[in-house]
Amino acid sequence: MSLQSVRAFFAEHAPDIEVIEMNQSTATVEMAARAHGVAPGQIAKTLSLKIKNNIVLIVMRGDTRLDNKKLKDTFGAKARMLTVDEVIMATGHPVGGVCPFGLENPLQIYCDRSLEAFEEVLPAAGAIHSAVRLSPQRMAELTDAKWIDVCQ
């Protein structure tokens, strides 16, 4: 269902973007970078966090980490990672396939400025073997994301 919801999202909002399916898992940044022949930073990983009472998604470059101080300064509170079950319930996507497209529930999406270093990034597409290629700006536009700076 998750891959299908992402396909439906792109069919409606950006039919020019193709969902890429691989024969091997791309569930980790390293696996995805190797499979797609790109630098790990070009893999746009999506983190599912709970901040106060809100679940948010933060999309960031694959070779960086969250900076907890920046995160707290930006949102005014500490964040915690969702559990596997919470991720699936909130997004409809499995861990390793989480992306800001075709979500089960409407969630606030944030894109970290670290993504702007690349002309093209590859976020997952709802499954552990799928992705899409697009510019960070287009991803933010399609998901109505806000730009933030919360990475190291």
Protein backbone atom coordinates (compact mmCIF):
# COMPACT_ATOMS: atom_id res chain seq x y z
CA MET A 1 0.00 0.00 0.00
CA SER A 2 2.78 2.47 0.82
CA LEU A 3 4.50 2.26 -2.57
CA GLN A 4 1.06 2.56 -4.18
CA SER A 5 0.24 5.69 -2.17
CA VAL A 6 3.52 7.27 -3.33
CA ARG A 7 2.79 6.30 -6.95
CA ALA A 8 -0.68 7.85 -6.61
CA PHE A 9 0.85 11.01 -5.12
CA PHE A 10 3.19 11.46 -8.09
CA ALA A 11 0.51 10.55 -10.63
CA GLU A 12 -1.60 13.39 -9.25
CA HIS A 13 1.01 16.04 -8.36
CA ALA A 14 4.07 15.37 -10.53
CA PRO A 15 3.48 12.81 -13.29
CA ASP A 16 6.89 13.65 -14.77
CA ILE A 17 8.65 12.08 -11.76
CA GLU A 18 9.24 8.35 -12.03
CA VAL A 19 9.31 6.03 -9.02
CA ILE A 20 12.47 3.94 -9.28
CA GLU A 21 12.30 0.34 -8.01
CA MET A 22 15.49 -1.58 -7.36
CA ASN A 23 16.06 -5.34 -7.10
CA GLN A 24 17.92 -4.88 -3.82
CA SER A 25 17.07 -3.12 -0.59
CA THR A 26 17.88 0.57 -0.33
CA ALA A 27 16.73 0.80 3.29
CA THR A 28 19.91 2.44 4.58
CA VAL A 29 21.77 5.49 3.29
CA GLU A 30 24.80 3.36 2.38
CA MET A 31 22.72 0.75 0.54
CA ALA A 32 20.75 3.42 -1.34
CA ALA A 33 23.85 5.40 -2.34
CA ARG A 34 25.55 2.26 -3.65
CA ALA A 35 22.44 1.07 -5.54
CA HIS A 36 21.84 4.47 -7.20
CA GLY A 37 25.50 5.30 -7.78
CA VAL A 38 25.41 8.59 -5.88
CA ALA A 39 27.17 10.13 -2.89
CA PRO A 40 25.60 9.26 0.50
CA GLY A 41 24.76 12.94 0.98
CA GLN A 42 22.41 12.82 -2.02
CA ILE A 43 20.21 10.27 -0.28
CA ALA A 44 17.48 12.34 1.36
CA LYS A 45 16.65 10.51 4.57
CA THR A 46 13.36 11.23 6.30
CA LEU A 47 13.26 11.20 10.10
CA SER A 48 9.96 10.80 11.96
CA LEU A 49 9.98 12.77 15.21
CA LYS A 50 7.57 13.68 17.96
CA ILE A 51 8.01 17.23 19.23
CA LYS A 52 5.66 18.20 22.03
CA ASN A 53 2.39 16.64 20.81
CA ASN A 54 3.14 16.88 17.09
CA ILE A 55 4.62 14.33 14.74
CA VAL A 56 6.85 15.92 12.10
CA LEU A 57 9.03 14.65 9.28
CA ILE A 58 12.46 16.13 8.71
CA VAL A 59 14.13 15.38 5.38
CA MET A 60 17.90 15.82 5.44
CA ARG A 61 20.99 14.76 3.55
CA GLY A 62 22.01 11.18 4.20
CA ASP A 63 25.52 11.80 5.47
CA THR A 64 24.66 14.17 8.30
CA ARG A 65 23.08 13.98 11.73
CA LEU A 66 20.60 16.06 13.63
CA ASP A 67 22.04 18.71 15.91
CA ASN A 68 19.96 18.43 19.09
CA LYS A 69 20.67 22.02 20.15
CA LYS A 70 19.61 23.43 16.77
CA LEU A 71 16.54 21.20 16.82
CA LYS A 72 15.53 22.39 20.29
CA ASP A 73 16.20 26.03 19.36
CA THR A 74 14.11 25.68 16.19
CA PHE A 75 11.12 23.92 17.75
CA GLY A 76 11.34 25.10 21.35
CA ALA A 77 11.36 21.56 22.71
CA LYS A 78 13.26 18.30 22.67
CA ALA A 79 12.33 15.71 20.06
CA ARG A 80 12.14 11.96 20.21
CA MET A 81 12.32 9.46 17.39
CA LEU A 82 9.12 7.53 16.76
CA THR A 83 9.06 3.79 17.34
CA VAL A 84 8.75 1.49 14.33
CA ASP A 85 5.01 1.02 15.00
CA GLU A 86 4.47 4.76 15.42
CA VAL A 87 6.28 5.46 12.13
CA ILE A 88 4.04 3.02 10.25
CA MET A 89 0.87 4.36 11.89
CA ALA A 90 1.77 8.02 11.27
CA THR A 91 3.19 7.77 7.74
CA GLY A 92 1.86 4.52 6.31
CA HIS A 93 5.43 3.77 5.20
CA PRO A 94 7.82 1.12 6.54
CA VAL A 95 11.07 2.15 8.20
CA GLY A 96 13.61 2.33 5.38
CA GLY A 97 10.94 3.54 2.96
CA VAL A 98 9.72 6.61 4.84
CA CYS A 99 9.36 9.67 2.64
CA PRO A 100 7.33 12.89 2.61
CA PHE A 101 5.06 11.67 -0.22
CA GLY A 102 1.80 9.69 -0.14
CA LEU A 103 1.43 9.88 3.63
CA GLU A 104 -1.26 8.06 5.58
CA ASN A 105 -1.91 11.20 7.66
CA PRO A 106 -1.22 14.88 6.99
CA LEU A 107 2.07 15.75 8.71
CA GLN A 108 4.20 18.87 8.79
CA ILE A 109 7.25 18.37 6.58
CA TYR A 110 10.57 20.15 7.07
CA CYS A 111 13.55 20.09 4.72
CA ASP A 112 16.95 20.74 6.19
CA ARG A 113 19.08 23.31 4.38
CA SER A 114 21.83 20.64 4.06
CA LEU A 115 19.91 19.30 1.03
CA GLU A 116 20.54 22.53 -0.87
CA ALA A 117 24.13 21.42 -1.53
CA PHE A 118 22.79 19.12 -4.28
CA GLU A 119 20.97 19.72 -7.55
CA GLU A 120 19.32 16.33 -7.22
CA VAL A 121 18.48 14.16 -4.22
CA LEU A 122 16.95 10.72 -3.83
CA PRO A 123 14.38 10.25 -1.07
CA ALA A 124 12.76 6.86 -0.56
CA ALA A 125 9.38 6.24 -2.17
CA GLY A 126 7.36 4.29 0.36
CA ALA A 127 9.22 0.97 0.23
CA ILE A 128 12.67 -0.32 1.14
CA HIS A 129 13.59 -0.75 -2.53
CA SER A 130 12.17 2.41 -4.10
CA ALA A 131 13.17 6.05 -4.56
CA VAL A 132 12.61 9.12 -6.70
CA ARG A 133 15.08 11.63 -8.17
CA LEU A 134 14.23 15.33 -7.88
CA SER A 135 15.67 18.63 -6.83
CA PRO A 136 15.46 19.56 -3.15
CA GLN A 137 13.44 22.64 -4.11
CA ARG A 138 10.88 20.57 -6.02
CA MET A 139 10.58 18.13 -3.12
CA ALA A 140 9.89 21.03 -0.74
CA GLU A 141 7.33 22.52 -3.13
CA LEU A 142 5.50 19.21 -3.66
CA THR A 143 5.27 18.54 0.09
CA ASP A 144 4.68 22.13 1.23
CA ALA A 145 7.79 21.76 3.39
CA LYS A 146 9.36 24.51 5.44
CA TRP A 147 13.14 24.98 5.23
CA ILE A 148 15.04 24.72 8.51
CA ASP A 149 18.65 24.34 9.69
CA VAL A 150 18.85 21.50 12.25
CA CYS A 151 21.80 19.40 11.09
CA GLN A 152 25.40 19.30 12.27
